[in-house]
Structures are given as structure tokens and as C-alpha cells.
């Protein structure tokens, strides 16, 4: 069942974000169109030309593209195999190793695509999408007690940049509209690791006793530092150290 509202508290204020109405969606489309035109007039590149622009800047080339396609194909095949689990002949140990490899593939792809992600944020489409998102948050944030809009107008929302209520409202609306907080839960590797007790609810790796561990099975603390059985930080040789 779709969730239509998220309630949260900021600075003792009980606020909520709701889904936009059809009329607000129509207005948001107008905001997007106007913002896209402004972006184009200001000289921002469109996504269709981003690849060409990055190649001119020596930030992307055929080698990077080939590597990306290789990693992406490996990721797709690995996800499919892990989803099949025992039907693919995987033992729990093999499944764990495959799940961790999938995590590694995602990191490699993210690092490789960093220039694309960085510059995509300054395309005309990205600019217009952000303006549309800002409009949605400005009209869909309510005072949960009174039911009235929390922001007086889109201009009021814009003027309150840096305020905690505005920042949290944007986060909560993103979770409501895009399911951001469900992303990690939906990853096939996390589903497998959680199902078989290889990770906790935060998707951090754990041993059979629930202790945090790294990919090599070594005990670690919340900060990722190696620790011994008593929780004392240790070096690579297992000797106690001061952090």
C-alpha cells in the first residue's frame, strides 16, 4: 500500500510531507519547463550532449565506456545468479561471497562514473528537476498540528536555505516520493545477506553472534576499526592500539 504522508519532528515542530495533488503536479511541470528554458539560455549543456562534453574535457573515453559496460554486464549477471540462490547451485558461503562481490562492483561503477554524476548535476535537466523538486517540497510540507502549509510560498522555501526544517522536509519528501529509504532494502545482495544472517538491519556485515565484521571476517567497531574479542582496537598484527 502506497504511503501518502510522512510525519517528522524538527526543533520541536511536528511537520509532515504529503504527496502532491494533480493540480500541483501540473504546476510543477510548468516550473520544470520554465527552469529548463532558463538553464538553456544560461548555456547549461543537456544530458544528450554530456558524453561529448566529457570526452572533450578528457574525463571520459572509449576505454572508460568499455570498462563501464563490462562492470555493468557483470553486475547484471551476478544479481541474476544471486537472486536464483540455490536454484543456481549456490551454497550460503558462495552466495555471501557473490553478494560481497556485487557490493564491490557497485563501488567500482560509482567511482568510474563519478565524472558523469558530477557533471550531470549541472545539466539543464538537473537544474530543472531541482527547481521542480523544490516546488513540491514547498507546497507539500505541512504543520501536522494545524494542517496548514509550513512554508508560506515557494519563495519562502527558497529564502530559508540552510534551515533545519527545510533540509529535513526535503529529505522526508524524497523518501516519500522516491522511496529513498527503501533503496538499500531493495538491493538483491542486501536481501540475501539479511535473509541468511550475514548482516544486520543496517546492512553492516556481522558474524554468527551479531558482532560487526569486515569483508574478511575480522571484528570491527562502529567506526570500522579492527577490534579484538574484548572490543579493544588492534593493529594488523592484533596488538592493542590507541585511537
Foldseek 3Di string as FASTA:
>chain_A
DADFKDWDDDPNFIKMFGFDDPVLVVVLVVLLVVLLVVLVVVPFAALVCLQVVCVVVVLDDPVLVVVLVVLVVVLVVLLVLLLCPVVNVHDLVNSLVSLVVSVVSVVVNCVSCVVVVVSNCRHSNNRSVVSSLLQSLQARMARVVVRHGPAPHSVSLVVCPPDPVSVVSSVNVCCNPVVVVCVQVPRSSLVSCVVVVQADPVSFGADPVRFGDDPVRFGDDPVRAGDDPVRAGADPVRHGDDD
